Amino acid sequence: MEKNRIKFEFLVHDLKVPLAVIEAGILSLLQKQDKYGELNDKQIKILERALRNTIVTRTLVNDALELGRSSQGIVNKSTFTASQLVVQTLIEVLDLTDHSTADAIKECKTLADLHACLSGQGLVVEMEEVFWNRDLYLDESKVKQILRNLLTNALKYRKNRVVLRVARGDRHLFLSVSDDGEGIPSGYHKKIFECYFQMDMKTDHCVRGHGLGLAGVQVLLEDMGGELFLESDTGKGATFSVKIPW
């Protein structure tokens, strides 16, 4: 079993190089048309779509590697700010679906800037102003992966609005992501964290295809000593909250 796991991780790691070459090639065609030739609108759309899917695949590869490191008890703590966590994660998530908003977020320096940027996008960030530039000392890659998965799920299943709450407890970082979608019936609350589980498409309830996302969040949190909570019911949206100890 150990040998199979190592083979799998080598395979996943080896995917990074060809993905980087593909991504660089597409970017060159898009950004250096004076060198490689002018593109028409249809060609640009096809290349942009290919680029987005390459980025998605790269993210999945990095997430798989992070889960592997987590299962081995590897924790790489570093110092980063709450603003870096929120801004960088939002950019990663939105860059695939709303490139213009992602670019605008890159220019945000303050919490007020971020609020103004997200106004009208159905995205709300709630955190205290004093916490914006506070230092965090955690495994940045794992925390970003957790938040990215929660935000991706919420954005996918919302009707109009997603609320991200970020706060600092005495001994933990608190993250909460809420959507106003159809919600998850209480009978599915445990199964929703199983790998590849999807709710029955024949039901009248919203089908939430979380796949490995929430299962991965659960694994990362368990290895970090954190906790994951779900508040939801049919027609009442869903709130996923995590507590990550310092």
C-alpha atoms as a PDB file:
ATOM      1  CA  MET A   1       0.000   0.000   0.000  1.00  0.00           C
ATOM      2  CA  GLU A   2       2.867   2.368   0.877  1.00  0.00           C
ATOM      3  CA  LYS A   3       4.566   1.596  -2.454  1.00  0.00           C
ATOM      4  CA  ASN A   4       1.334   2.296  -4.364  1.00  0.00           C
ATOM      5  CA  ARG A   5       0.910   5.614  -2.560  1.00  0.00           C
ATOM      6  CA  ILE A   6       4.459   6.654  -3.451  1.00  0.00           C
ATOM      7  CA  LYS A   7       3.907   5.700  -7.109  1.00  0.00           C
ATOM      8  CA  PHE A   8       0.702   7.755  -7.160  1.00  0.00           C
ATOM      9  CA  GLU A   9       2.437  10.795  -5.679  1.00  0.00           C
ATOM     10  CA  PHE A  10       5.293  10.556  -8.191  1.00  0.00           C
ATOM     11  CA  LEU A  11       2.730  10.400 -10.998  1.00  0.00           C
ATOM     12  CA  VAL A  12       0.874  13.429  -9.689  1.00  0.00           C
ATOM     13  CA  HIS A  13       4.121  15.346  -9.197  1.00  0.00           C
ATOM     14  CA  ASP A  14       5.270  14.523 -12.735  1.00  0.00           C
ATOM     15  CA  LEU A  15       2.083  16.069 -14.124  1.00  0.00           C
ATOM     16  CA  LYS A  16       3.243  19.513 -12.979  1.00  0.00           C
ATOM     17  CA  VAL A  17       5.929  19.910 -15.654  1.00  0.00           C
ATOM     18  CA  PRO A  18       3.783  19.224 -18.768  1.00  0.00           C
ATOM     19  CA  LEU A  19       0.991  21.358 -17.319  1.00  0.00           C
ATOM     20  CA  ALA A  20       3.417  24.246 -16.822  1.00  0.00           C
ATOM     21  CA  VAL A  21       4.626  23.890 -20.429  1.00  0.00           C
ATOM     22  CA  ILE A  22       1.044  23.868 -21.760  1.00  0.00           C
ATOM     23  CA  GLU A  23       0.111  26.906 -19.668  1.00  0.00           C
ATOM     24  CA  ALA A  24       3.208  28.835 -20.753  1.00  0.00           C
ATOM     25  CA  GLY A  25       2.562  27.988 -24.405  1.00  0.00           C
ATOM     26  CA  ILE A  26      -1.035  29.178 -24.319  1.00  0.00           C
ATOM     27  CA  LEU A  27      -0.049  32.392 -22.529  1.00  0.00           C
ATOM     28  CA  SER A  28       2.637  33.049 -25.137  1.00  0.00           C
ATOM     29  CA  LEU A  29       0.127  32.718 -27.972  1.00  0.00           C
ATOM     30  CA  LEU A  30      -2.318  35.051 -26.210  1.00  0.00           C
ATOM     31  CA  GLN A  31       0.151  37.665 -24.994  1.00  0.00           C
ATOM     32  CA  LYS A  32       2.735  37.729 -27.801  1.00  0.00           C
ATOM     33  CA  GLN A  33       0.627  37.966 -30.937  1.00  0.00           C
ATOM     34  CA  ASP A  34       3.208  40.293 -32.492  1.00  0.00           C
ATOM     35  CA  LYS A  35       5.673  37.384 -32.364  1.00  0.00           C
ATOM     36  CA  TYR A  36       3.478  34.321 -33.010  1.00  0.00           C
ATOM     37  CA  GLY A  37       0.745  35.787 -35.181  1.00  0.00           C
ATOM     38  CA  GLU A  38      -2.513  37.662 -34.720  1.00  0.00           C
ATOM     39  CA  LEU A  39      -5.525  35.742 -33.364  1.00  0.00           C
ATOM     40  CA  ASN A  40      -9.189  36.246 -34.168  1.00  0.00           C
ATOM     41  CA  ASP A  41     -11.885  36.400 -31.482  1.00  0.00           C
ATOM     42  CA  LYS A  42     -12.871  32.726 -31.841  1.00  0.00           C
ATOM     43  CA  GLN A  43      -9.271  31.576 -31.512  1.00  0.00           C
ATOM     44  CA  ILE A  44      -8.778  33.736 -28.427  1.00  0.00           C
ATOM     45  CA  LYS A  45     -11.896  32.287 -26.778  1.00  0.00           C
ATOM     46  CA  ILE A  46     -10.723  28.718 -27.437  1.00  0.00           C
ATOM     47  CA  LEU A  47      -7.251  29.436 -26.037  1.00  0.00           C
ATOM     48  CA  GLU A  48      -8.681  31.205 -22.970  1.00  0.00           C
ATOM     49  CA  ARG A  49     -10.937  28.222 -22.313  1.00  0.00           C
ATOM     50  CA  ALA A  50      -7.965  25.857 -22.645  1.00  0.00           C
ATOM     51  CA  LEU A  51      -5.968  28.058 -20.272  1.00  0.00           C
ATOM     52  CA  ARG A  52      -8.730  28.071 -17.639  1.00  0.00           C
ATOM     53  CA  ASN A  53      -8.950  24.285 -17.720  1.00  0.00           C
ATOM     54  CA  THR A  54      -5.170  23.959 -17.514  1.00  0.00           C
ATOM     55  CA  ILE A  55      -5.228  26.139 -14.389  1.00  0.00           C
ATOM     56  CA  VAL A  56      -8.020  23.992 -12.929  1.00  0.00           C
ATOM     57  CA  THR A  57      -5.949  20.864 -13.545  1.00  0.00           C
ATOM     58  CA  ARG A  58      -2.844  22.455 -12.000  1.00  0.00           C
ATOM     59  CA  THR A  59      -4.859  23.365  -8.915  1.00  0.00           C
ATOM     60  CA  LEU A  60      -6.145  19.788  -8.608  1.00  0.00           C
ATOM     61  CA  VAL A  61      -2.587  18.440  -8.894  1.00  0.00           C
ATOM     62  CA  ASN A  62      -1.349  20.805  -6.178  1.00  0.00           C
ATOM     63  CA  ASP A  63      -4.300  19.897  -3.955  1.00  0.00           C
ATOM     64  CA  ALA A  64      -3.604  16.172  -4.376  1.00  0.00           C
ATOM     65  CA  LEU A  65       0.040  16.700  -3.425  1.00  0.00           C
ATOM     66  CA  GLU A  66      -0.971  18.760  -0.392  1.00  0.00           C
ATOM     67  CA  LEU A  67      -3.345  16.011   0.764  1.00  0.00           C
ATOM     68  CA  GLY A  68      -0.506  13.511   0.428  1.00  0.00           C
ATOM     69  CA  ARG A  69       1.825  15.657   2.526  1.00  0.00           C
ATOM     70  CA  SER A  70      -0.932  16.187   5.066  1.00  0.00           C
ATOM     71  CA  SER A  71      -1.514  12.438   5.473  1.00  0.00           C
ATOM     72  CA  GLN A  72       2.186  12.062   6.263  1.00  0.00           C
ATOM     73  CA  GLY A  73       1.908  14.644   9.031  1.00  0.00           C
ATOM     74  CA  ILE A  74       3.918  17.255   7.132  1.00  0.00           C
ATOM     75  CA  VAL A  75       3.075  20.789   8.272  1.00  0.00           C
ATOM     76  CA  ASN A  76       4.893  23.807   6.846  1.00  0.00           C
ATOM     77  CA  LYS A  77       3.971  26.799   8.965  1.00  0.00           C
ATOM     78  CA  SER A  78       4.789  30.301   7.800  1.00  0.00           C
ATOM     79  CA  THR A  79       3.733  33.857   8.559  1.00  0.00           C
ATOM     80  CA  PHE A  80       1.141  35.498   6.309  1.00  0.00           C
ATOM     81  CA  THR A  81      -1.590  38.064   6.836  1.00  0.00           C
ATOM     82  CA  ALA A  82      -5.338  37.581   6.898  1.00  0.00           C
ATOM     83  CA  SER A  83      -5.583  39.943   3.921  1.00  0.00           C
ATOM     84  CA  GLN A  84      -3.172  37.795   1.885  1.00  0.00           C
ATOM     85  CA  LEU A  85      -5.245  34.703   2.664  1.00  0.00           C
ATOM     86  CA  VAL A  86      -8.534  36.303   1.601  1.00  0.00           C
ATOM     87  CA  VAL A  87      -7.307  38.257  -1.434  1.00  0.00           C
ATOM     88  CA  GLN A  88      -5.122  35.525  -2.927  1.00  0.00           C
ATOM     89  CA  THR A  89      -7.760  32.840  -2.451  1.00  0.00           C
ATOM     90  CA  LEU A  90     -10.491  34.994  -4.010  1.00  0.00           C
ATOM     91  CA  ILE A  91      -8.225  35.677  -6.994  1.00  0.00           C
ATOM     92  CA  GLU A  92      -7.563  31.943  -7.470  1.00  0.00           C
ATOM     93  CA  VAL A  93     -11.264  31.097  -7.306  1.00  0.00           C
ATOM     94  CA  LEU A  94     -12.597  33.944  -9.449  1.00  0.00           C
ATOM     95  CA  ASP A  95      -9.813  33.846 -12.043  1.00  0.00           C
ATOM     96  CA  LEU A  96     -11.551  30.829 -13.585  1.00  0.00           C
ATOM     97  CA  THR A  97     -15.040  32.340 -13.834  1.00  0.00           C
ATOM     98  CA  ASP A  98     -14.783  36.135 -13.534  1.00  0.00           C
ATOM     99  CA  HIS A  99     -11.380  37.253 -14.788  1.00  0.00           C
ATOM    100  CA  SER A 100     -12.154  40.981 -14.663  1.00  0.00           C
ATOM    101  CA  THR A 101     -13.154  40.849 -10.985  1.00  0.00           C
ATOM    102  CA  ALA A 102     -10.075  38.751 -10.189  1.00  0.00           C
ATOM    103  CA  ASP A 103      -7.866  41.399 -11.831  1.00  0.00           C
ATOM    104  CA  ALA A 104      -9.612  44.169  -9.884  1.00  0.00           C
ATOM    105  CA  ILE A 105      -9.077  42.319  -6.589  1.00  0.00           C
ATOM    106  CA  LYS A 106      -5.324  42.250  -7.283  1.00  0.00           C
ATOM    107  CA  GLU A 107      -5.327  46.040  -6.888  1.00  0.00           C
ATOM    108  CA  CYS A 108      -7.103  46.007  -3.499  1.00  0.00           C
ATOM    109  CA  LYS A 109      -4.921  47.302  -0.663  1.00  0.00           C
ATOM    110  CA  THR A 110      -7.494  47.703   2.109  1.00  0.00           C
ATOM    111  CA  LEU A 111     -10.641  45.950   3.310  1.00  0.00           C
ATOM    112  CA  ALA A 112     -12.638  48.947   2.076  1.00  0.00           C
ATOM    113  CA  ASP A 113     -11.101  48.496  -1.388  1.00  0.00           C
ATOM    114  CA  LEU A 114     -12.156  44.834  -1.389  1.00  0.00           C
ATOM    115  CA  HIS A 115     -15.705  45.680  -0.296  1.00  0.00           C
ATOM    116  CA  ALA A 116     -15.976  48.217  -3.132  1.00  0.00           C
ATOM    117  CA  CYS A 117     -14.561  45.734  -5.650  1.00  0.00           C
ATOM    118  CA  LEU A 118     -17.015  43.001  -4.671  1.00  0.00           C
ATOM    119  CA  SER A 119     -20.016  45.320  -4.507  1.00  0.00           C
ATOM    120  CA  GLY A 120     -22.626  44.082  -6.941  1.00  0.00           C
ATOM    121  CA  GLN A 121     -20.916  40.704  -7.381  1.00  0.00           C
ATOM    122  CA  GLY A 122     -23.015  38.898  -4.763  1.00  0.00           C
ATOM    123  CA  LEU A 123     -19.887  38.372  -2.664  1.00  0.00           C
ATOM    124  CA  VAL A 124     -19.546  39.726   0.878  1.00  0.00           C
ATOM    125  CA  VAL A 125     -16.459  39.562   3.091  1.00  0.00           C
ATOM    126  CA  GLU A 126     -17.063  40.120   6.796  1.00  0.00           C
ATOM    127  CA  MET A 127     -14.039  40.682   9.020  1.00  0.00           C
ATOM    128  CA  GLU A 128     -12.833  43.321  11.451  1.00  0.00           C
ATOM    129  CA  GLU A 129     -10.699  46.081   9.980  1.00  0.00           C
ATOM    130  CA  VAL A 130      -8.018  45.511  12.640  1.00  0.00           C
ATOM    131  CA  PHE A 131      -7.685  41.889  11.556  1.00  0.00           C
ATOM    132  CA  TRP A 132      -6.970  42.755   7.900  1.00  0.00           C
ATOM    133  CA  ASN A 133      -3.191  43.044   8.338  1.00  0.00           C
ATOM    134  CA  ARG A 134      -2.810  40.740  11.338  1.00  0.00           C
ATOM    135  CA  ASP A 135      -0.185  38.031  11.009  1.00  0.00           C
ATOM    136  CA  LEU A 136      -1.227  34.376  10.960  1.00  0.00           C
ATOM    137  CA  TYR A 137       1.210  31.539  11.651  1.00  0.00           C
ATOM    138  CA  LEU A 138      -0.243  28.453   9.998  1.00  0.00           C
ATOM    139  CA  ASP A 139       0.316  26.128   7.040  1.00  0.00           C
ATOM    140  CA  GLU A 140      -0.621  28.622   4.327  1.00  0.00           C
ATOM    141  CA  SER A 141      -1.066  26.070   1.511  1.00  0.00           C
ATOM    142  CA  LYS A 142      -3.467  23.942   3.555  1.00  0.00           C
ATOM    143  CA  VAL A 143      -5.502  26.908   4.816  1.00  0.00           C
ATOM    144  CA  LYS A 144      -5.820  28.301   1.282  1.00  0.00           C
ATOM    145  CA  GLN A 145      -6.901  24.919  -0.050  1.00  0.00           C
ATOM    146  CA  ILE A 146      -9.581  24.676   2.636  1.00  0.00           C
ATOM    147  CA  LEU A 147     -10.914  28.161   1.949  1.00  0.00           C
ATOM    148  CA  ARG A 148     -10.718  27.715  -1.831  1.00  0.00           C
ATOM    149  CA  ASN A 149     -12.814  24.542  -1.706  1.00  0.00           C
ATOM    150  CA  LEU A 150     -15.446  26.134   0.534  1.00  0.00           C
ATOM    151  CA  LEU A 151     -15.697  29.241  -1.646  1.00  0.00           C
ATOM    152  CA  THR A 152     -15.839  27.232  -4.873  1.00  0.00           C
ATOM    153  CA  ASN A 153     -18.720  25.134  -3.553  1.00  0.00           C
ATOM    154  CA  ALA A 154     -20.630  28.146  -2.261  1.00  0.00           C
ATOM    155  CA  LEU A 155     -20.252  30.084  -5.525  1.00  0.00           C
ATOM    156  CA  LYS A 156     -21.378  27.065  -7.524  1.00  0.00           C
ATOM    157  CA  TYR A 157     -24.584  26.516  -5.580  1.00  0.00           C
ATOM    158  CA  ARG A 158     -25.604  30.024  -4.551  1.00  0.00           C
ATOM    159  CA  LYS A 159     -28.680  31.756  -5.910  1.00  0.00           C
ATOM    160  CA  ASN A 160     -27.492  35.327  -5.447  1.00  0.00           C
ATOM    161  CA  ARG A 161     -25.145  35.686  -2.512  1.00  0.00           C
ATOM    162  CA  VAL A 162     -22.089  34.229  -0.757  1.00  0.00           C
ATOM    163  CA  VAL A 163     -20.793  35.518   2.581  1.00  0.00           C
ATOM    164  CA  LEU A 164     -17.243  34.858   3.791  1.00  0.00           C
ATOM    165  CA  ARG A 165     -16.571  35.517   7.475  1.00  0.00           C
ATOM    166  CA  VAL A 166     -13.028  35.614   8.831  1.00  0.00           C
ATOM    167  CA  ALA A 167     -12.246  36.033  12.533  1.00  0.00           C
ATOM    168  CA  ARG A 168      -9.526  35.307  15.053  1.00  0.00           C
ATOM    169  CA  GLY A 169     -10.346  33.393  18.216  1.00  0.00           C
ATOM    170  CA  ASP A 170      -8.128  33.041  21.285  1.00  0.00           C
ATOM    171  CA  ARG A 171      -6.419  29.970  19.897  1.00  0.00           C
ATOM    172  CA  HIS A 172      -7.812  29.482  16.427  1.00  0.00           C
ATOM    173  CA  LEU A 173      -8.614  30.993  13.037  1.00  0.00           C
ATOM    174  CA  PHE A 174     -12.319  30.949  12.230  1.00  0.00           C
ATOM    175  CA  LEU A 175     -13.546  30.777   8.619  1.00  0.00           C
ATOM    176  CA  SER A 176     -17.168  30.569   7.557  1.00  0.00           C
ATOM    177  CA  VAL A 177     -18.674  30.462   4.058  1.00  0.00           C
ATOM    178  CA  SER A 178     -22.435  30.747   3.525  1.00  0.00           C
ATOM    179  CA  ASP A 179     -24.523  30.489   0.373  1.00  0.00           C
ATOM    180  CA  ASP A 180     -28.224  31.124  -0.254  1.00  0.00           C
ATOM    181  CA  GLY A 181     -28.775  28.031  -2.385  1.00  0.00           C
ATOM    182  CA  GLU A 182     -31.286  25.218  -1.967  1.00  0.00           C
ATOM    183  CA  GLY A 183     -29.479  23.835   1.049  1.00  0.00           C
ATOM    184  CA  ILE A 184     -28.691  20.286   2.149  1.00  0.00           C
ATOM    185  CA  PRO A 185     -31.320  18.148   3.915  1.00  0.00           C
ATOM    186  CA  SER A 186     -30.192  17.100   7.391  1.00  0.00           C
ATOM    187  CA  GLY A 187     -30.238  13.436   6.372  1.00  0.00           C
ATOM    188  CA  TYR A 188     -27.333  14.075   3.983  1.00  0.00           C
ATOM    189  CA  HIS A 189     -25.091  16.009   6.379  1.00  0.00           C
ATOM    190  CA  LYS A 190     -22.754  13.104   7.133  1.00  0.00           C
ATOM    191  CA  LYS A 191     -22.657  11.599   3.634  1.00  0.00           C
ATOM    192  CA  ILE A 192     -21.829  14.962   2.049  1.00  0.00           C
ATOM    193  CA  PHE A 193     -18.271  14.609   3.377  1.00  0.00           C
ATOM    194  CA  GLU A 194     -17.688  11.239   1.687  1.00  0.00           C
ATOM    195  CA  CYS A 195     -15.448  11.117  -1.397  1.00  0.00           C
ATOM    196  CA  TYR A 196     -17.370  11.331  -4.695  1.00  0.00           C
ATOM    197  CA  PHE A 197     -20.759  11.502  -2.946  1.00  0.00           C
ATOM    198  CA  GLN A 198     -23.503  13.370  -4.771  1.00  0.00           C
ATOM    199  CA  MET A 199     -27.112  13.718  -3.753  1.00  0.00           C
ATOM    200  CA  ASP A 200     -29.667  11.779  -5.790  1.00  0.00           C
ATOM    201  CA  MET A 201     -30.413  13.725  -8.956  1.00  0.00           C
ATOM    202  CA  LYS A 202     -33.961  12.348  -8.932  1.00  0.00           C
ATOM    203  CA  THR A 203     -34.837  14.216  -5.754  1.00  0.00           C
ATOM    204  CA  ASP A 204     -36.267  17.704  -5.738  1.00  0.00           C
ATOM    205  CA  HIS A 205     -33.266  18.918  -3.767  1.00  0.00           C
ATOM    206  CA  CYS A 206     -30.244  20.711  -5.134  1.00  0.00           C
ATOM    207  CA  VAL A 207     -27.523  18.330  -6.307  1.00  0.00           C
ATOM    208  CA  ARG A 208     -24.249  19.370  -4.716  1.00  0.00           C
ATOM    209  CA  GLY A 209     -21.406  17.630  -6.545  1.00  0.00           C
ATOM    210  CA  HIS A 210     -18.733  18.306  -3.944  1.00  0.00           C
ATOM    211  CA  GLY A 211     -16.727  15.226  -4.955  1.00  0.00           C
ATOM    212  CA  LEU A 212     -13.307  15.286  -3.296  1.00  0.00           C
ATOM    213  CA  GLY A 213     -13.611  18.958  -2.264  1.00  0.00           C
ATOM    214  CA  LEU A 214     -15.252  18.605   1.131  1.00  0.00           C
ATOM    215  CA  ALA A 215     -13.659  15.216   1.760  1.00  0.00           C
ATOM    216  CA  GLY A 216     -10.291  16.890   1.176  1.00  0.00           C
ATOM    217  CA  VAL A 217     -11.187  19.747   3.519  1.00  0.00           C
ATOM    218  CA  GLN A 218     -12.109  17.214   6.182  1.00  0.00           C
ATOM    219  CA  VAL A 219      -8.778  15.379   5.814  1.00  0.00           C
ATOM    220  CA  LEU A 220      -6.723  18.584   5.978  1.00  0.00           C
ATOM    221  CA  LEU A 221      -8.574  19.816   9.053  1.00  0.00           C
ATOM    222  CA  GLU A 222      -8.226  16.493  10.875  1.00  0.00           C
ATOM    223  CA  ASP A 223      -4.472  16.493  10.239  1.00  0.00           C
ATOM    224  CA  MET A 224      -4.222  20.092  11.503  1.00  0.00           C
ATOM    225  CA  GLY A 225      -6.359  19.396  14.567  1.00  0.00           C
ATOM    226  CA  GLY A 226      -9.176  21.576  13.277  1.00  0.00           C
ATOM    227  CA  GLU A 227     -12.943  21.182  13.081  1.00  0.00           C
ATOM    228  CA  LEU A 228     -15.569  21.504  10.349  1.00  0.00           C
ATOM    229  CA  PHE A 229     -19.215  22.386  10.961  1.00  0.00           C
ATOM    230  CA  LEU A 230     -22.232  22.386   8.653  1.00  0.00           C
ATOM    231  CA  GLU A 231     -25.467  24.300   9.155  1.00  0.00           C
ATOM    232  CA  SER A 232     -28.079  23.712   6.476  1.00  0.00           C
ATOM    233  CA  ASP A 233     -31.499  22.407   5.618  1.00  0.00           C
ATOM    234  CA  THR A 234     -33.737  22.260   2.583  1.00  0.00           C
ATOM    235  CA  GLY A 235     -34.386  25.728   1.163  1.00  0.00           C
ATOM    236  CA  LYS A 236     -32.177  27.464   3.751  1.00  0.00           C
ATOM    237  CA  GLY A 237     -28.791  27.603   2.046  1.00  0.00           C
ATOM    238  CA  ALA A 238     -25.662  26.154   3.610  1.00  0.00           C
ATOM    239  CA  THR A 239     -22.953  27.426   5.958  1.00  0.00           C
ATOM    240  CA  PHE A 240     -19.639  25.592   6.273  1.00  0.00           C
ATOM    241  CA  SER A 241     -17.477  26.783   9.159  1.00  0.00           C
ATOM    242  CA  VAL A 242     -13.971  25.743  10.176  1.00  0.00           C
ATOM    243  CA  LYS A 243     -11.842  26.293  13.257  1.00  0.00           C
ATOM    244  CA  ILE A 244      -8.085  25.948  12.709  1.00  0.00           C
ATOM    245  CA  PRO A 245      -5.901  25.960  15.851  1.00  0.00           C
ATOM    246  CA  TRP A 246      -2.780  28.102  16.021  1.00  0.00           C
END
